[in-house]
């Protein structure tokens, strides 16, 4: 019985592996479209190893991934050779400020251009209140995360409009 069963099992495995290989690999999903994010910042400030641009870029990418946006965020600093695009998000951030004792406030002017139509959201403000003993770097990262969430709340309805279900 063993002599018959094992060769049949082995032959069945080989045939099934060959059939799976003949079908070929599953096609790769198409790449996501790119949402260019242009950050216009003041370069006269020295921010250390991690700049405000880097923190904002990371926070925007995290928020877009969490909200399952069907785009890839491609952030870049504004330069004279930055091409204008049909769809882009421009952010003019100010430095983080401590308006009251122990708070961090982000302010940035946000403009979204979708297929050539400009949507000006004005100044977007986000405030983070660090808790006692929280490291400065962690507090700054959380402040930029709040800023990215505030920007996403403004941009998302225009960038990804939801269609209402048809009424019967």
N, C-alpha and C. Protein backbone atom coordinates (compact mmCIF):
# COMPACT_ATOMS: atom_id res chain seq x y z
N UNK A 1 0.82 -1.20 0.00
CA UNK A 1 0.00 0.00 0.00
C UNK A 1 0.86 1.26 0.00
N UNK A 2 1.95 1.23 0.85
CA UNK A 2 2.84 2.39 0.90
C UNK A 2 3.51 2.61 -0.44
N UNK A 3 3.88 1.51 -1.09
CA UNK A 3 4.61 1.63 -2.35
C UNK A 3 3.74 2.25 -3.44
N UNK A 4 2.47 2.13 -3.36
CA UNK A 4 1.59 2.69 -4.38
C UNK A 4 1.17 4.11 -4.01
N UNK A 5 0.91 4.34 -2.72
CA UNK A 5 0.37 5.62 -2.28
C UNK A 5 1.39 6.76 -2.38
N UNK A 6 2.62 6.53 -1.93
CA UNK A 6 3.63 7.59 -1.94
C UNK A 6 3.98 8.05 -3.36
N UNK A 7 4.18 7.17 -4.32
CA UNK A 7 4.45 7.65 -5.68
C UNK A 7 3.27 8.41 -6.28
N UNK A 8 2.04 7.97 -5.97
CA UNK A 8 0.88 8.69 -6.47
C UNK A 8 0.79 10.08 -5.85
N UNK A 9 1.06 10.18 -4.56
CA UNK A 9 1.04 11.47 -3.87
C UNK A 9 2.11 12.40 -4.46
N UNK A 10 3.30 11.86 -4.67
CA UNK A 10 4.40 12.65 -5.22
C UNK A 10 4.06 13.13 -6.64
N UNK A 11 3.47 12.27 -7.45
CA UNK A 11 3.09 12.64 -8.82
C UNK A 11 2.00 13.72 -8.80
N UNK A 12 1.06 13.57 -7.87
CA UNK A 12 0.01 14.58 -7.76
C UNK A 12 0.57 15.95 -7.38
N UNK A 13 1.55 15.97 -6.48
CA UNK A 13 2.18 17.23 -6.09
C UNK A 13 2.93 17.87 -7.25
N UNK A 14 3.62 17.08 -8.01
CA UNK A 14 4.37 17.60 -9.15
C UNK A 14 3.41 18.17 -10.20
N UNK A 15 2.33 17.46 -10.47
CA UNK A 15 1.38 17.95 -11.47
C UNK A 15 0.69 19.23 -11.02
N UNK A 16 0.34 19.31 -9.74
CA UNK A 16 -0.32 20.53 -9.25
C UNK A 16 0.65 21.71 -9.26
N UNK A 17 1.92 21.47 -8.93
CA UNK A 17 2.91 22.55 -8.97
C UNK A 17 3.13 23.02 -10.41
N UNK A 18 3.14 22.09 -11.35
CA UNK A 18 3.30 22.45 -12.76
C UNK A 18 2.12 23.25 -13.28
N UNK A 19 0.91 22.88 -12.84
CA UNK A 19 -0.28 23.61 -13.28
C UNK A 19 -0.29 25.02 -12.71
N UNK A 20 0.14 25.16 -11.47
CA UNK A 20 0.19 26.49 -10.86
C UNK A 20 1.24 27.35 -11.55
N UNK A 21 2.37 26.73 -11.93
CA UNK A 21 3.42 27.48 -12.60
C UNK A 21 3.00 27.87 -14.02
N UNK A 22 2.23 26.99 -14.68
CA UNK A 22 1.78 27.29 -16.03
C UNK A 22 0.80 28.46 -16.03
N UNK A 23 0.03 28.59 -14.96
CA UNK A 23 -0.91 29.71 -14.88
C UNK A 23 -0.16 31.04 -14.78
N UNK A 24 1.05 31.00 -14.28
CA UNK A 24 1.87 32.21 -14.20
C UNK A 24 1.59 32.98 -12.92
N UNK A 25 2.47 33.91 -12.64
CA UNK A 25 2.27 34.70 -11.42
C UNK A 25 1.10 35.67 -11.58
N UNK A 26 0.52 36.02 -10.46
CA UNK A 26 -0.58 36.97 -10.49
C UNK A 26 -0.06 38.32 -10.98
N UNK A 27 -0.83 39.02 -11.80
CA UNK A 27 -0.34 40.32 -12.30
C UNK A 27 -0.21 41.31 -11.14
N UNK A 28 0.83 42.11 -11.22
CA UNK A 28 1.06 43.11 -10.18
C UNK A 28 0.01 44.21 -10.29
N UNK A 29 -0.44 44.73 -9.14
CA UNK A 29 -1.43 45.81 -9.21
C UNK A 29 -0.80 47.04 -9.85
N UNK A 30 -1.61 47.84 -10.53
CA UNK A 30 -1.04 49.04 -11.17
C UNK A 30 -0.51 50.00 -10.10
N UNK A 31 0.54 50.73 -10.42
CA UNK A 31 1.09 51.67 -9.43
C UNK A 31 0.09 52.78 -9.12
N UNK A 32 0.15 53.24 -7.88
CA UNK A 32 -0.75 54.30 -7.45
C UNK A 32 -0.33 55.63 -8.09
N UNK A 33 -1.30 56.49 -8.39
CA UNK A 33 -0.93 57.82 -8.90
C UNK A 33 -0.20 58.61 -7.82
N UNK A 34 0.59 59.55 -8.23
CA UNK A 34 1.40 60.34 -7.30
C UNK A 34 0.72 61.67 -7.01
N UNK A 35 0.63 62.01 -5.72
CA UNK A 35 0.14 63.34 -5.32
C UNK A 35 1.36 64.15 -4.93
N UNK A 36 1.77 65.11 -5.76
CA UNK A 36 2.92 65.93 -5.40
C UNK A 36 2.53 66.90 -4.28
N UNK A 37 3.34 66.93 -3.24
CA UNK A 37 3.16 67.87 -2.13
C UNK A 37 4.36 68.80 -2.16
N UNK A 38 4.12 70.07 -2.44
CA UNK A 38 5.19 71.06 -2.50
C UNK A 38 5.16 71.86 -1.21
N UNK A 39 6.25 71.81 -0.47
CA UNK A 39 6.36 72.52 0.80
C UNK A 39 7.26 73.73 0.58
N UNK A 40 6.71 74.90 0.81
CA UNK A 40 7.45 76.14 0.65
C UNK A 40 7.86 76.58 2.05
N UNK A 41 9.14 76.43 2.35
CA UNK A 41 9.59 76.74 3.71
C UNK A 41 10.73 77.74 3.68
N UNK A 42 10.93 78.36 4.80
CA UNK A 42 12.04 79.29 4.94
C UNK A 42 13.31 78.49 5.20
N UNK A 43 14.31 78.72 4.42
CA UNK A 43 15.55 77.96 4.55
C UNK A 43 16.56 78.66 5.45
N UNK A 44 16.23 79.80 6.00
CA UNK A 44 17.18 80.53 6.81
C UNK A 44 17.31 79.95 8.21
N UNK A 45 16.39 79.08 8.61
CA UNK A 45 16.45 78.50 9.94
C UNK A 45 17.23 77.20 9.89
N UNK A 46 18.04 76.96 10.90
CA UNK A 46 18.72 75.67 10.99
C UNK A 46 17.94 74.83 12.00
N UNK A 47 17.44 73.70 11.51
CA UNK A 47 16.57 72.87 12.33
C UNK A 47 17.25 71.61 12.84
N UNK A 48 18.51 71.44 12.59
CA UNK A 48 19.18 70.25 13.05
C UNK A 48 19.13 69.15 12.00
N UNK A 49 19.25 67.91 12.46
CA UNK A 49 19.33 66.78 11.55
C UNK A 49 17.99 66.51 10.86
N UNK A 50 16.89 66.67 11.59
CA UNK A 50 15.57 66.44 11.02
C UNK A 50 14.87 67.79 10.92
N UNK A 51 14.54 68.18 9.71
CA UNK A 51 13.93 69.49 9.50
C UNK A 51 12.41 69.40 9.61
N UNK A 52 11.77 70.56 9.65
CA UNK A 52 10.31 70.60 9.68
C UNK A 52 9.74 69.97 8.41
N UNK A 53 10.41 70.15 7.29
CA UNK A 53 9.99 69.55 6.02
C UNK A 53 9.95 68.03 6.16
N UNK A 54 11.01 67.45 6.73
CA UNK A 54 11.06 65.99 6.90
C UNK A 54 9.94 65.49 7.80
N UNK A 55 9.71 66.19 8.89
CA UNK A 55 8.66 65.77 9.84
C UNK A 55 7.28 65.88 9.19
N UNK A 56 7.04 66.93 8.43
CA UNK A 56 5.75 67.10 7.78
C UNK A 56 5.55 66.04 6.69
N UNK A 57 6.59 65.76 5.94
CA UNK A 57 6.52 64.73 4.90
C UNK A 57 6.17 63.37 5.51
N UNK A 58 6.87 62.99 6.57
CA UNK A 58 6.61 61.70 7.22
C UNK A 58 5.19 61.64 7.76
N UNK A 59 4.74 62.72 8.39
CA UNK A 59 3.39 62.73 8.97
C UNK A 59 2.33 62.63 7.87
N UNK A 60 2.52 63.34 6.76
CA UNK A 60 1.55 63.27 5.67
C UNK A 60 1.50 61.87 5.06
N UNK A 61 2.65 61.24 4.91
CA UNK A 61 2.68 59.88 4.36
C UNK A 61 1.98 58.90 5.29
N UNK A 62 2.19 59.04 6.60
CA UNK A 62 1.53 58.15 7.56
C UNK A 62 0.02 58.33 7.53
N UNK A 63 -0.43 59.57 7.51
CA UNK A 63 -1.87 59.84 7.50
C UNK A 63 -2.49 59.32 6.20
N UNK A 64 -1.85 59.52 5.08
CA UNK A 64 -2.38 59.03 3.80
C UNK A 64 -2.47 57.51 3.80
N UNK A 65 -1.49 56.86 4.39
CA UNK A 65 -1.50 55.39 4.45
C UNK A 65 -2.60 54.90 5.39
N UNK A 66 -2.78 55.55 6.52
CA UNK A 66 -3.82 55.15 7.47
C UNK A 66 -5.22 55.35 6.90
N UNK A 67 -5.40 56.39 6.12
CA UNK A 67 -6.71 56.68 5.53
C UNK A 67 -6.93 55.97 4.20
N UNK A 68 -5.95 55.17 3.79
CA UNK A 68 -6.04 54.37 2.56
C UNK A 68 -6.30 55.25 1.34
N UNK A 69 -5.55 56.33 1.23
CA UNK A 69 -5.66 57.18 0.05
C UNK A 69 -5.09 56.43 -1.14
N UNK A 70 -5.76 56.49 -2.28
CA UNK A 70 -5.26 55.77 -3.46
C UNK A 70 -4.18 56.55 -4.22
N UNK A 71 -3.29 57.19 -3.48
CA UNK A 71 -2.19 57.94 -4.10
C UNK A 71 -0.92 57.70 -3.29
N UNK A 72 0.19 58.02 -3.91
CA UNK A 72 1.48 58.02 -3.24
C UNK A 72 1.90 59.46 -3.03
N UNK A 73 2.31 59.80 -1.82
CA UNK A 73 2.74 61.17 -1.51
C UNK A 73 4.20 61.33 -1.96
N UNK A 74 4.45 62.36 -2.73
CA UNK A 74 5.81 62.69 -3.16
C UNK A 74 6.07 64.15 -2.77
N UNK A 75 6.72 64.34 -1.65
CA UNK A 75 6.96 65.70 -1.15
C UNK A 75 8.27 66.24 -1.71
N UNK A 76 8.28 67.55 -1.93
CA UNK A 76 9.49 68.21 -2.39
C UNK A 76 9.48 69.65 -1.88
N UNK A 77 10.66 70.16 -1.70
CA UNK A 77 10.78 71.57 -1.31
C UNK A 77 10.57 72.44 -2.53
N UNK A 78 9.98 73.59 -2.30
CA UNK A 78 9.76 74.52 -3.41
C UNK A 78 11.09 75.04 -3.91
N UNK A 79 11.23 75.05 -5.20
CA UNK A 79 12.42 75.60 -5.83
C UNK A 79 11.98 76.35 -7.08
N UNK A 80 12.88 77.12 -7.63
CA UNK A 80 12.51 77.91 -8.80
C UNK A 80 12.20 77.04 -10.01
N UNK A 81 12.71 75.81 -10.02
CA UNK A 81 12.47 74.94 -11.17
C UNK A 81 11.33 73.95 -10.91
N UNK A 82 10.50 74.18 -9.89
CA UNK A 82 9.38 73.29 -9.62
C UNK A 82 8.31 73.53 -10.67
N UNK A 83 7.97 72.49 -11.36
CA UNK A 83 6.97 72.59 -12.42
C UNK A 83 5.57 72.67 -11.81
N UNK A 84 4.70 73.41 -12.46
CA UNK A 84 3.30 73.43 -12.02
C UNK A 84 2.63 72.17 -12.55
N UNK A 85 1.74 71.63 -11.75
CA UNK A 85 1.08 70.37 -12.12
C UNK A 85 -0.43 70.56 -12.10
N UNK A 86 -1.11 69.64 -12.75
CA UNK A 86 -2.57 69.68 -12.77
C UNK A 86 -3.14 69.45 -11.37
N UNK A 87 -2.54 68.52 -10.64
CA UNK A 87 -2.99 68.20 -9.28
C UNK A 87 -1.79 68.25 -8.37
N UNK A 88 -1.86 69.11 -7.36
CA UNK A 88 -0.78 69.20 -6.38
C UNK A 88 -1.30 69.85 -5.11
N UNK A 89 -0.59 69.61 -4.04
CA UNK A 89 -0.89 70.20 -2.74
C UNK A 89 0.29 71.08 -2.35
N UNK A 90 0.03 72.36 -2.11
CA UNK A 90 1.09 73.28 -1.70
C UNK A 90 0.85 73.69 -0.25
N UNK A 91 1.90 73.62 0.54
CA UNK A 91 1.82 73.99 1.95
C UNK A 91 2.90 75.03 2.22
N UNK A 92 2.48 76.14 2.83
CA UNK A 92 3.40 77.20 3.22
C UNK A 92 3.44 77.21 4.75
N UNK A 93 4.29 76.37 5.36
CA UNK A 93 4.25 76.28 6.83
C UNK A 93 5.05 77.39 7.50
N UNK A 94 4.63 77.75 8.67
CA UNK A 94 5.40 78.62 9.56
C UNK A 94 6.09 77.70 10.56
N UNK A 95 7.02 78.25 11.29
CA UNK A 95 7.69 77.45 12.31
C UNK A 95 6.71 77.10 13.43
N UNK A 96 6.96 75.96 14.08
CA UNK A 96 6.16 75.62 15.25
C UNK A 96 6.34 76.71 16.29
N UNK A 97 5.24 77.10 16.91
CA UNK A 97 5.32 78.16 17.91
C UNK A 97 4.75 77.67 19.22
N UNK A 98 5.26 78.25 20.27
CA UNK A 98 4.73 77.98 21.60
C UNK A 98 3.91 79.21 21.97
N UNK A 99 2.61 79.15 21.70
CA UNK A 99 1.77 80.32 21.92
C UNK A 99 1.47 80.53 23.39
N UNK A 100 1.13 79.46 24.04
CA UNK A 100 0.94 79.50 25.49
C UNK A 100 1.97 78.57 26.10
N UNK A 101 2.06 78.61 27.37
CA UNK A 101 3.06 77.76 28.03
C UNK A 101 2.75 76.29 27.73
N UNK A 102 3.74 75.60 27.26
CA UNK A 102 3.69 74.16 27.02
C UNK A 102 2.70 73.73 25.94
N UNK A 103 2.58 74.47 24.87
CA UNK A 103 1.82 74.00 23.72
C UNK A 103 2.66 74.23 22.46
N UNK A 104 2.38 73.45 21.44
CA UNK A 104 3.05 73.60 20.15
C UNK A 104 1.98 73.82 19.10
N UNK A 105 2.07 74.93 18.37
CA UNK A 105 1.05 75.27 17.39
C UNK A 105 1.67 75.33 16.00
N UNK A 106 1.05 74.60 15.08
CA UNK A 106 1.45 74.60 13.68
C UNK A 106 0.48 75.49 12.93
N UNK A 107 1.02 76.32 12.06
CA UNK A 107 0.19 77.12 11.16
C UNK A 107 0.79 76.99 9.77
N UNK A 108 -0.08 76.77 8.80
CA UNK A 108 0.39 76.68 7.43
C UNK A 108 -0.73 77.00 6.47
N UNK A 109 -0.40 77.72 5.44
CA UNK A 109 -1.35 78.07 4.39
C UNK A 109 -1.38 76.90 3.42
N UNK A 110 -2.56 76.37 3.12
CA UNK A 110 -2.71 75.17 2.32
C UNK A 110 -3.52 75.48 1.06
N UNK A 111 -2.95 75.12 -0.09
CA UNK A 111 -3.63 75.28 -1.38
C UNK A 111 -3.58 73.94 -2.10
N UNK A 112 -4.75 73.48 -2.52
CA UNK A 112 -4.85 72.24 -3.28
C UNK A 112 -5.31 72.60 -4.69
N UNK A 113 -4.59 72.11 -5.69
CA UNK A 113 -4.98 72.29 -7.08
C UNK A 113 -5.36 70.92 -7.62
N UNK A 114 -6.62 70.79 -8.07
CA UNK A 114 -7.11 69.52 -8.62
C UNK A 114 -7.55 69.79 -10.05
N UNK A 115 -6.87 69.17 -11.00
CA UNK A 115 -7.14 69.31 -12.42
C UNK A 115 -7.21 70.78 -12.83
N UNK A 116 -6.27 71.56 -12.32
CA UNK A 116 -6.16 72.96 -12.67
C UNK A 116 -7.05 73.90 -11.88
N UNK A 117 -7.94 73.39 -11.05
CA UNK A 117 -8.83 74.22 -10.23
C UNK A 117 -8.22 74.37 -8.84
N UNK A 118 -8.02 75.61 -8.44
CA UNK A 118 -7.36 75.90 -7.17
C UNK A 118 -8.37 75.98 -6.03
N UNK A 119 -8.06 75.27 -4.93
CA UNK A 119 -8.88 75.31 -3.71
C UNK A 119 -7.99 75.85 -2.60
N UNK A 120 -8.30 77.05 -2.14
CA UNK A 120 -7.49 77.71 -1.10
C UNK A 120 -8.16 77.47 0.25
N UNK A 121 -7.48 76.74 1.13
CA UNK A 121 -8.03 76.42 2.44
C UNK A 121 -7.60 77.42 3.50
N UNK A 122 -6.80 78.39 3.12
CA UNK A 122 -6.35 79.39 4.07
C UNK A 122 -5.34 78.81 5.06
N UNK A 123 -5.30 79.42 6.23
CA UNK A 123 -4.35 78.99 7.26
C UNK A 123 -4.95 77.81 8.03
N UNK A 124 -4.26 76.71 8.02
CA UNK A 124 -4.66 75.53 8.80
C UNK A 124 -3.86 75.55 10.09
N UNK A 125 -4.56 75.42 11.20
CA UNK A 125 -3.91 75.48 12.51
C UNK A 125 -4.12 74.16 13.24
N UNK A 126 -3.08 73.68 13.89
CA UNK A 126 -3.17 72.47 14.71
C UNK A 126 -2.32 72.69 15.96
N UNK A 127 -2.88 72.38 17.12
CA UNK A 127 -2.18 72.58 18.38
C UNK A 127 -2.02 71.25 19.10
N UNK A 128 -0.84 71.04 19.66
CA UNK A 128 -0.57 69.84 20.44
C UNK A 128 -0.09 70.28 21.82
N UNK A 129 -0.64 69.63 22.84
CA UNK A 129 -0.27 69.92 24.22
C UNK A 129 0.52 68.74 24.77
N UNK A 130 1.85 68.87 24.85
CA UNK A 130 2.65 67.76 25.34
C UNK A 130 2.40 67.54 26.83
N UNK A 131 2.53 66.29 27.23
CA UNK A 131 2.38 66.00 28.64
C UNK A 131 3.72 66.16 29.35
N UNK A 132 3.69 66.26 30.66
CA UNK A 132 4.90 66.49 31.45
C UNK A 132 5.86 65.31 31.28
N UNK A 133 7.09 65.61 30.99
CA UNK A 133 8.11 64.59 30.85
C UNK A 133 8.25 64.03 29.45
N UNK A 134 7.42 64.45 28.52
CA UNK A 134 7.51 63.97 27.14
C UNK A 134 8.74 64.58 26.47
N UNK A 135 9.45 63.76 25.71
CA UNK A 135 10.65 64.28 25.06
C UNK A 135 10.27 65.31 24.00
N UNK A 136 11.17 66.23 23.76
CA UNK A 136 10.91 67.30 22.81
C UNK A 136 10.68 66.76 21.40
N UNK A 137 11.50 65.81 20.98
CA UNK A 137 11.36 65.24 19.64
C UNK A 137 10.00 64.57 19.46
N UNK A 138 9.57 63.82 20.46
CA UNK A 138 8.27 63.15 20.37
C UNK A 138 7.15 64.17 20.31
N UNK A 139 7.24 65.23 21.10
CA UNK A 139 6.20 66.27 21.10
C UNK A 139 6.15 66.96 19.74
N UNK A 140 7.31 67.23 19.15
CA UNK A 140 7.33 67.89 17.84
C UNK A 140 6.74 66.98 16.77
N UNK A 141 7.08 65.68 16.81
CA UNK A 141 6.52 64.74 15.84
C UNK A 141 5.00 64.65 15.98
N UNK A 142 4.51 64.65 17.20
CA UNK A 142 3.06 64.59 17.41
C UNK A 142 2.38 65.88 16.96
N UNK A 143 3.06 67.00 17.10
CA UNK A 143 2.50 68.27 16.63
C UNK A 143 2.38 68.25 15.11
N UNK A 144 3.38 67.72 14.43
CA UNK A 144 3.31 67.63 12.96
C UNK A 144 2.28 66.59 12.52
N UNK A 145 2.11 65.56 13.32
CA UNK A 145 1.06 64.58 13.01
C UNK A 145 -0.32 65.24 13.09
N UNK A 146 -0.53 66.04 14.14
CA UNK A 146 -1.80 66.78 14.25
C UNK A 146 -1.98 67.71 13.05
N UNK A 147 -0.89 68.33 12.63
CA UNK A 147 -0.97 69.22 11.47
C UNK A 147 -1.34 68.43 10.22
N UNK A 148 -0.74 67.25 10.04
CA UNK A 148 -1.05 66.42 8.87
C UNK A 148 -2.51 65.97 8.91
N UNK A 149 -3.02 65.65 10.09
CA UNK A 149 -4.43 65.26 10.21
C UNK A 149 -5.35 66.43 9.86
N UNK A 150 -5.00 67.64 10.32
CA UNK A 150 -5.82 68.82 10.02
C UNK A 150 -5.80 69.12 8.52
N UNK A 151 -4.64 68.98 7.89
CA UNK A 151 -4.54 69.21 6.45
C UNK A 151 -5.35 68.15 5.70
N UNK A 152 -5.24 66.90 6.13
CA UNK A 152 -5.97 65.82 5.47
C UNK A 152 -7.47 66.01 5.60
N UNK A 153 -7.94 66.50 6.75
CA UNK A 153 -9.38 66.74 6.94
C UNK A 153 -9.90 67.78 5.94
N UNK A 154 -9.08 68.76 5.62
CA UNK A 154 -9.49 69.80 4.66
C UNK A 154 -9.40 69.31 3.21
N UNK A 155 -8.35 68.57 2.91
CA UNK A 155 -8.04 68.19 1.53
C UNK A 155 -8.85 66.98 1.07
N UNK A 156 -9.10 66.05 1.95
CA UNK A 156 -9.70 64.77 1.56
C UNK A 156 -11.06 64.90 0.86
N UNK A 157 -12.01 65.72 1.35
CA UNK A 157 -13.30 65.81 0.65
C UNK A 157 -13.19 66.36 -0.78
N UNK A 158 -12.20 67.20 -1.03
CA UNK A 158 -12.04 67.75 -2.38
C UNK A 158 -11.27 66.80 -3.28
N UNK A 159 -10.25 66.18 -2.72
CA UNK A 159 -9.39 65.29 -3.50
C UNK A 159 -10.07 63.96 -3.82
N UNK A 160 -10.83 63.44 -2.85
CA UNK A 160 -11.53 62.17 -3.03
C UNK A 160 -13.01 62.35 -2.68
N UNK A 161 -13.77 62.98 -3.56
CA UNK A 161 -15.20 63.18 -3.24
C UNK A 161 -15.93 61.86 -3.18
N UNK A 162 -16.82 61.78 -2.21
CA UNK A 162 -17.64 60.57 -2.08
C UNK A 162 -18.92 60.76 -2.87
N UNK A 163 -19.29 59.75 -3.57
CA UNK A 163 -20.53 59.83 -4.33
C UNK A 163 -21.67 59.34 -3.45
N UNK A 164 -22.74 60.06 -3.45
CA UNK A 164 -23.91 59.68 -2.66
C UNK A 164 -24.62 58.53 -3.35
N UNK A 165 -25.14 57.59 -2.57
CA UNK A 165 -25.87 56.49 -3.20
C UNK A 165 -27.14 57.02 -3.87
N UNK A 166 -27.50 56.38 -4.95
CA UNK A 166 -28.69 56.81 -5.70
C UNK A 166 -29.94 56.53 -4.90
N UNK A 167 -30.82 57.50 -4.87
CA UNK A 167 -32.08 57.32 -4.13
C UNK A 167 -33.10 56.65 -5.04
N UNK A 168 -33.84 55.69 -4.48
CA UNK A 168 -34.83 54.97 -5.33
C UNK A 168 -36.02 55.83 -5.65
